[in-house]
Amino acid sequence: LKAGEKLQCRVDGQLQAIAEDSALVRSFFRHPSVSYISDL
């Protein structure tokens, strides 16, 4: 965090950036530890 920066604002910004990156979100579900989620 930079001087004067609020943690909540930083976290919200980072989560929004992740939400807007669909390829990144999809990649989370390719990890072996959560592969059962996509096994249908």
PDB file of N, CA and C in Angstrom:
ATOM      1  N   LEU A   1       0.832  -1.178   0.000  1.00  0.00           N
ATOM      2  CA  LEU A   1       0.000   0.000   0.000  1.00  0.00           C
ATOM      3  C   LEU A   1       0.879   1.244   0.000  1.00  0.00           C
ATOM      4  N   LYS A   2       0.420   2.225  -0.729  1.00  0.00           N
ATOM      5  CA  LYS A   2       1.117   3.507  -0.728  1.00  0.00           C
ATOM      6  C   LYS A   2       0.631   4.332   0.457  1.00  0.00           C
ATOM      7  N   ALA A   3       1.397   5.324   0.823  1.00  0.00           N
ATOM      8  CA  ALA A   3       1.025   6.187   1.948  1.00  0.00           C
ATOM      9  C   ALA A   3      -0.355   6.779   1.710  1.00  0.00           C
ATOM     10  N   GLY A   4      -1.230   6.634   2.677  1.00  0.00           N
ATOM     11  CA  GLY A   4      -2.571   7.187   2.586  1.00  0.00           C
ATOM     12  C   GLY A   4      -3.569   6.322   1.837  1.00  0.00           C
ATOM     13  N   GLU A   5      -3.109   5.215   1.254  1.00  0.00           N
ATOM     14  CA  GLU A   5      -4.004   4.338   0.491  1.00  0.00           C
ATOM     15  C   GLU A   5      -4.764   3.423   1.457  1.00  0.00           C
ATOM     16  N   LYS A   6      -6.029   3.262   1.209  1.00  0.00           N
ATOM     17  CA  LYS A   6      -6.873   2.422   2.059  1.00  0.00           C
ATOM     18  C   LYS A   6      -6.857   0.986   1.542  1.00  0.00           C
ATOM     19  N   LEU A   7      -6.765   0.041   2.447  1.00  0.00           N
ATOM     20  CA  LEU A   7      -6.730  -1.372   2.085  1.00  0.00           C
ATOM     21  C   LEU A   7      -7.990  -1.780   1.334  1.00  0.00           C
ATOM     22  N   GLN A   8      -9.151  -1.363   1.821  1.00  0.00           N
ATOM     23  CA  GLN A   8     -10.416  -1.755   1.188  1.00  0.00           C
ATOM     24  C   GLN A   8     -10.473  -1.298  -0.271  1.00  0.00           C
ATOM     25  N   CYS A   9     -10.030  -0.088  -0.551  1.00  0.00           N
ATOM     26  CA  CYS A   9     -10.025   0.419  -1.929  1.00  0.00           C
ATOM     27  C   CYS A   9      -9.079  -0.400  -2.793  1.00  0.00           C
ATOM     28  N   ARG A  10      -7.949  -0.754  -2.244  1.00  0.00           N
ATOM     29  CA  ARG A  10      -6.958  -1.540  -2.985  1.00  0.00           C
ATOM     30  C   ARG A  10      -7.504  -2.929  -3.298  1.00  0.00           C
ATOM     31  N   VAL A  11      -8.106  -3.573  -2.314  1.00  0.00           N
ATOM     32  CA  VAL A  11      -8.668  -4.910  -2.492  1.00  0.00           C
ATOM     33  C   VAL A  11      -9.804  -4.874  -3.510  1.00  0.00           C
ATOM     34  N   ASP A  12     -10.700  -3.899  -3.383  1.00  0.00           N
ATOM     35  CA  ASP A  12     -11.809  -3.778  -4.328  1.00  0.00           C
ATOM     36  C   ASP A  12     -11.303  -3.605  -5.753  1.00  0.00           C
ATOM     37  N   GLY A  13     -10.280  -2.795  -5.930  1.00  0.00           N
ATOM     38  CA  GLY A  13      -9.708  -2.576  -7.256  1.00  0.00           C
ATOM     39  C   GLY A  13      -9.104  -3.841  -7.835  1.00  0.00           C
ATOM     40  N   GLN A  14      -8.384  -4.579  -7.007  1.00  0.00           N
ATOM     41  CA  GLN A  14      -7.764  -5.820  -7.469  1.00  0.00           C
ATOM     42  C   GLN A  14      -8.817  -6.866  -7.825  1.00  0.00           C
ATOM     43  N   LEU A  15      -9.852  -6.993  -7.006  1.00  0.00           N
ATOM     44  CA  LEU A  15     -10.914  -7.962  -7.292  1.00  0.00           C
ATOM     45  C   LEU A  15     -11.669  -7.588  -8.562  1.00  0.00           C
ATOM     46  N   GLN A  16     -11.881  -6.302  -8.792  1.00  0.00           N
ATOM     47  CA  GLN A  16     -12.550  -5.856 -10.012  1.00  0.00           C
ATOM     48  C   GLN A  16     -11.702  -6.195 -11.235  1.00  0.00           C
ATOM     49  N   ALA A  17     -10.396  -5.999 -11.137  1.00  0.00           N
ATOM     50  CA  ALA A  17      -9.501  -6.322 -12.247  1.00  0.00           C
ATOM     51  C   ALA A  17      -9.536  -7.818 -12.551  1.00  0.00           C
ATOM     52  N   ILE A  18      -9.569  -8.649 -11.525  1.00  0.00           N
ATOM     53  CA  ILE A  18      -9.662 -10.097 -11.718  1.00  0.00           C
ATOM     54  C   ILE A  18     -10.987 -10.449 -12.372  1.00  0.00           C
ATOM     55  N   ALA A  19     -12.073  -9.851 -11.908  1.00  0.00           N
ATOM     56  CA  ALA A  19     -13.404 -10.144 -12.448  1.00  0.00           C
ATOM     57  C   ALA A  19     -13.504  -9.792 -13.927  1.00  0.00           C
ATOM     58  N   GLU A  20     -12.771  -8.798 -14.362  1.00  0.00           N
ATOM     59  CA  GLU A  20     -12.818  -8.364 -15.757  1.00  0.00           C
ATOM     60  C   GLU A  20     -11.923  -9.201 -16.663  1.00  0.00           C
ATOM     61  N   ASP A  21     -11.105 -10.073 -16.101  1.00  0.00           N
ATOM     62  CA  ASP A  21     -10.178 -10.907 -16.877  1.00  0.00           C
ATOM     63  C   ASP A  21     -10.705 -12.343 -16.904  1.00  0.00           C
ATOM     64  N   SER A  22     -11.579 -12.627 -17.867  1.00  0.00           N
ATOM     65  CA  SER A  22     -12.234 -13.937 -17.900  1.00  0.00           C
ATOM     66  C   SER A  22     -11.239 -15.084 -18.095  1.00  0.00           C
ATOM     67  N   ALA A  23     -10.175 -14.857 -18.829  1.00  0.00           N
ATOM     68  CA  ALA A  23      -9.174 -15.911 -19.016  1.00  0.00           C
ATOM     69  C   ALA A  23      -8.502 -16.258 -17.683  1.00  0.00           C
ATOM     70  N   LEU A  24      -8.240 -15.267 -16.885  1.00  0.00           N
ATOM     71  CA  LEU A  24      -7.634 -15.505 -15.576  1.00  0.00           C
ATOM     72  C   LEU A  24      -8.586 -16.283 -14.675  1.00  0.00           C
ATOM     73  N   VAL A  25      -9.856 -15.888 -14.654  1.00  0.00           N
ATOM     74  CA  VAL A  25     -10.839 -16.588 -13.825  1.00  0.00           C
ATOM     75  C   VAL A  25     -10.957 -18.042 -14.265  1.00  0.00           C
ATOM     76  N   ARG A  26     -11.029 -18.293 -15.571  1.00  0.00           N
ATOM     77  CA  ARG A  26     -11.098 -19.676 -16.073  1.00  0.00           C
ATOM     78  C   ARG A  26      -9.874 -20.473 -15.659  1.00  0.00           C
ATOM     79  N   SER A  27      -8.719 -19.831 -15.644  1.00  0.00           N
ATOM     80  CA  SER A  27      -7.485 -20.546 -15.297  1.00  0.00           C
ATOM     81  C   SER A  27      -7.511 -21.062 -13.861  1.00  0.00           C
ATOM     82  N   PHE A  28      -8.234 -20.395 -12.977  1.00  0.00           N
ATOM     83  CA  PHE A  28      -8.323 -20.867 -11.594  1.00  0.00           C
ATOM     84  C   PHE A  28      -8.935 -22.264 -11.539  1.00  0.00           C
ATOM     85  N   PHE A  29      -9.865 -22.554 -12.429  1.00  0.00           N
ATOM     86  CA  PHE A  29     -10.579 -23.827 -12.406  1.00  0.00           C
ATOM     87  C   PHE A  29      -9.838 -24.929 -13.152  1.00  0.00           C
ATOM     88  N   ARG A  30      -8.698 -24.607 -13.736  1.00  0.00           N
ATOM     89  CA  ARG A  30      -7.861 -25.617 -14.376  1.00  0.00           C
ATOM     90  C   ARG A  30      -6.832 -26.186 -13.410  1.00  0.00           C
ATOM     91  N   HIS A  31      -6.696 -25.581 -12.253  1.00  0.00           N
ATOM     92  CA  HIS A  31      -5.715 -26.047 -11.272  1.00  0.00           C
ATOM     93  C   HIS A  31      -6.149 -27.418 -10.758  1.00  0.00           C
ATOM     94  N   PRO A  32      -5.207 -28.362 -10.646  1.00  0.00           N
ATOM     95  CA  PRO A  32      -5.550 -29.727 -10.214  1.00  0.00           C
ATOM     96  C   PRO A  32      -6.314 -29.802  -8.892  1.00  0.00           C
ATOM     97  N   SER A  33      -6.050 -28.899  -7.982  1.00  0.00           N
ATOM     98  CA  SER A  33      -6.713 -28.992  -6.677  1.00  0.00           C
ATOM     99  C   SER A  33      -8.196 -28.651  -6.727  1.00  0.00           C
ATOM    100  N   VAL A  34      -8.661 -28.048  -7.811  1.00  0.00           N
ATOM    101  CA  VAL A  34     -10.090 -27.729  -7.949  1.00  0.00           C
ATOM    102  C   VAL A  34     -10.683 -28.317  -9.222  1.00  0.00           C
ATOM    103  N   SER A  35      -9.987 -29.255  -9.817  1.00  0.00           N
ATOM    104  CA  SER A  35     -10.464 -29.825 -11.082  1.00  0.00           C
ATOM    105  C   SER A  35     -11.791 -30.553 -10.924  1.00  0.00           C
ATOM    106  N   TYR A  36     -12.103 -31.020  -9.714  1.00  0.00           N
ATOM    107  CA  TYR A  36     -13.381 -31.708  -9.488  1.00  0.00           C
ATOM    108  C   TYR A  36     -14.572 -30.795  -9.777  1.00  0.00           C
ATOM    109  N   ILE A  37     -14.392 -29.501  -9.703  1.00  0.00           N
ATOM    110  CA  ILE A  37     -15.484 -28.554  -9.934  1.00  0.00           C
ATOM    111  C   ILE A  37     -15.999 -28.656 -11.363  1.00  0.00           C
ATOM    112  N   SER A  38     -15.106 -28.878 -12.315  1.00  0.00           N
ATOM    113  CA  SER A  38     -15.524 -28.914 -13.715  1.00  0.00           C
ATOM    114  C   SER A  38     -15.782 -30.333 -14.218  1.00  0.00           C
ATOM    115  N   ASP A  39     -15.637 -31.341 -13.364  1.00  0.00           N
ATOM    116  CA  ASP A  39     -15.940 -32.723 -13.752  1.00  0.00           C
ATOM    117  C   ASP A  39     -17.445 -32.938 -13.699  1.00  0.00           C
ATOM    118  N   LEU A  40     -18.057 -32.994 -14.860  1.00  0.00           N
ATOM    119  CA  LEU A  40     -19.508 -33.205 -14.902  1.00  0.00           C
ATOM    120  C   LEU A  40     -19.829 -34.547 -15.512  1.00  0.00           C
TER     121      LEU A  40
END
